Amino acid sequence: MSNNDIDLISWGIKIFSYQLFLRATASLVIINYILTLPDEIKFVWKSTKGLSWWAFMLSRYYSILVIIATTSCAFPFPKLCQ
């Protein structure tokens, strides 16, 4: 095996590890969202729409959108993000 082959194998392992990390992160975000949604509906959606409400909504849903965009660009749809 040449050094180029070893480098390619090393990069393949790194990419695979990165994909597993992204999937694990996405899974944790989705689980957290599902588990906290009833409390969010009960306490946040029915409260007054002030600055803290908008900050909460932005932080909660922006992170979900970033995770979806990152994971979809990392693996199943590579042509989508080119």
C-alpha atoms as a PDB file:
ATOM      1  CA  MET A   1       0.000   0.000   0.000  1.00  0.00           C
ATOM      2  CA  SER A   2       1.258   3.434  -0.842  1.00  0.00           C
ATOM      3  CA  ASN A   3       0.964   6.547   1.254  1.00  0.00           C
ATOM      4  CA  ASN A   4      -1.851   7.801  -1.001  1.00  0.00           C
ATOM      5  CA  ASP A   5      -3.911   4.688  -0.257  1.00  0.00           C
ATOM      6  CA  ILE A   6      -3.362   5.108   3.474  1.00  0.00           C
ATOM      7  CA  ASP A   7      -4.359   8.781   3.227  1.00  0.00           C
ATOM      8  CA  LEU A   8      -7.544   7.859   1.358  1.00  0.00           C
ATOM      9  CA  ILE A   9      -8.437   5.241   3.964  1.00  0.00           C
ATOM     10  CA  SER A  10      -7.743   7.753   6.730  1.00  0.00           C
ATOM     11  CA  TRP A  11      -9.996  10.350   5.080  1.00  0.00           C
ATOM     12  CA  GLY A  12     -12.712   7.746   4.584  1.00  0.00           C
ATOM     13  CA  ILE A  13     -12.634   6.867   8.272  1.00  0.00           C
ATOM     14  CA  LYS A  14     -12.795  10.570   9.219  1.00  0.00           C
ATOM     15  CA  ILE A  15     -15.769  11.200   6.915  1.00  0.00           C
ATOM     16  CA  PHE A  16     -17.586   8.133   8.250  1.00  0.00           C
ATOM     17  CA  SER A  17     -16.949   9.258  11.839  1.00  0.00           C
ATOM     18  CA  TYR A  18     -18.224  12.754  11.012  1.00  0.00           C
ATOM     19  CA  GLN A  19     -21.394  11.320   9.513  1.00  0.00           C
ATOM     20  CA  LEU A  20     -21.998   9.183  12.596  1.00  0.00           C
ATOM     21  CA  PHE A  21     -21.460  12.230  14.811  1.00  0.00           C
ATOM     22  CA  LEU A  22     -23.981  14.249  12.793  1.00  0.00           C
ATOM     23  CA  ARG A  23     -26.554  11.469  12.964  1.00  0.00           C
ATOM     24  CA  ALA A  24     -26.115  11.139  16.726  1.00  0.00           C
ATOM     25  CA  THR A  25     -26.445  14.900  17.180  1.00  0.00           C
ATOM     26  CA  ALA A  26     -29.555  15.039  15.008  1.00  0.00           C
ATOM     27  CA  SER A  27     -31.065  12.161  16.969  1.00  0.00           C
ATOM     28  CA  LEU A  28     -30.490  13.916  20.283  1.00  0.00           C
ATOM     29  CA  VAL A  29     -32.024  17.166  19.013  1.00  0.00           C
ATOM     30  CA  ILE A  30     -35.079  15.339  17.672  1.00  0.00           C
ATOM     31  CA  ILE A  31     -35.539  13.363  20.898  1.00  0.00           C
ATOM     32  CA  ASN A  32     -35.216  16.559  22.943  1.00  0.00           C
ATOM     33  CA  TYR A  33     -37.751  18.300  20.725  1.00  0.00           C
ATOM     34  CA  ILE A  34     -40.264  15.456  20.994  1.00  0.00           C
ATOM     35  CA  LEU A  35     -39.904  15.141  24.771  1.00  0.00           C
ATOM     36  CA  THR A  36     -40.232  18.871  25.466  1.00  0.00           C
ATOM     37  CA  LEU A  37     -42.953  19.712  22.918  1.00  0.00           C
ATOM     38  CA  PRO A  38     -45.916  19.171  25.324  1.00  0.00           C
ATOM     39  CA  ASP A  39     -44.361  21.544  27.879  1.00  0.00           C
ATOM     40  CA  GLU A  40     -43.561  24.038  25.147  1.00  0.00           C
ATOM     41  CA  ILE A  41     -47.172  24.015  23.962  1.00  0.00           C
ATOM     42  CA  LYS A  42     -48.458  24.327  27.518  1.00  0.00           C
ATOM     43  CA  PHE A  43     -46.172  27.094  28.760  1.00  0.00           C
ATOM     44  CA  VAL A  44     -44.644  28.923  25.805  1.00  0.00           C
ATOM     45  CA  TRP A  45     -47.199  28.973  23.015  1.00  0.00           C
ATOM     46  CA  LYS A  46     -49.917  30.337  25.303  1.00  0.00           C
ATOM     47  CA  SER A  47     -47.769  33.041  26.878  1.00  0.00           C
ATOM     48  CA  THR A  48     -47.477  36.652  25.752  1.00  0.00           C
ATOM     49  CA  LYS A  49     -45.334  37.218  22.690  1.00  0.00           C
ATOM     50  CA  GLY A  50     -42.525  39.330  24.138  1.00  0.00           C
ATOM     51  CA  LEU A  51     -38.808  39.442  23.469  1.00  0.00           C
ATOM     52  CA  SER A  52     -38.118  36.323  25.532  1.00  0.00           C
ATOM     53  CA  TRP A  53     -40.768  34.401  23.577  1.00  0.00           C
ATOM     54  CA  TRP A  54     -39.173  35.319  20.256  1.00  0.00           C
ATOM     55  CA  ALA A  55     -35.682  34.538  21.575  1.00  0.00           C
ATOM     56  CA  PHE A  56     -36.854  31.106  22.725  1.00  0.00           C
ATOM     57  CA  MET A  57     -38.534  30.335  19.406  1.00  0.00           C
ATOM     58  CA  LEU A  58     -35.523  31.511  17.415  1.00  0.00           C
ATOM     59  CA  SER A  59     -33.052  29.460  19.433  1.00  0.00           C
ATOM     60  CA  ARG A  60     -35.220  26.346  19.438  1.00  0.00           C
ATOM     61  CA  TYR A  61     -36.231  26.231  15.802  1.00  0.00           C
ATOM     62  CA  TYR A  62     -33.096  27.727  14.289  1.00  0.00           C
ATOM     63  CA  SER A  63     -31.007  24.947  15.831  1.00  0.00           C
ATOM     64  CA  ILE A  64     -33.351  22.339  14.377  1.00  0.00           C
ATOM     65  CA  LEU A  65     -33.068  23.916  10.924  1.00  0.00           C
ATOM     66  CA  VAL A  66     -29.270  24.008  11.166  1.00  0.00           C
ATOM     67  CA  ILE A  67     -29.124  20.340  12.163  1.00  0.00           C
ATOM     68  CA  ILE A  68     -31.401  19.355   9.272  1.00  0.00           C
ATOM     69  CA  ALA A  69     -29.391  21.407   6.774  1.00  0.00           C
ATOM     70  CA  THR A  70     -26.075  20.056   8.051  1.00  0.00           C
ATOM     71  CA  THR A  71     -27.115  16.421   8.038  1.00  0.00           C
ATOM     72  CA  SER A  72     -28.827  16.612   4.642  1.00  0.00           C
ATOM     73  CA  CYS A  73     -25.742  18.249   3.109  1.00  0.00           C
ATOM     74  CA  ALA A  74     -23.420  15.722   4.721  1.00  0.00           C
ATOM     75  CA  PHE A  75     -24.878  12.539   3.362  1.00  0.00           C
ATOM     76  CA  PRO A  76     -28.099  11.458   1.775  1.00  0.00           C
ATOM     77  CA  PHE A  77     -28.438  14.234  -0.788  1.00  0.00           C
ATOM     78  CA  PRO A  78     -24.931  15.327  -1.840  1.00  0.00           C
ATOM     79  CA  LYS A  79     -26.122  16.896  -5.130  1.00  0.00           C
ATOM     80  CA  LEU A  80     -28.557  19.112  -3.209  1.00  0.00           C
ATOM     81  CA  CYS A  81     -25.733  21.039  -1.549  1.00  0.00           C
ATOM     82  CA  GLN A  82     -23.295  21.433  -4.436  1.00  0.00           C
END
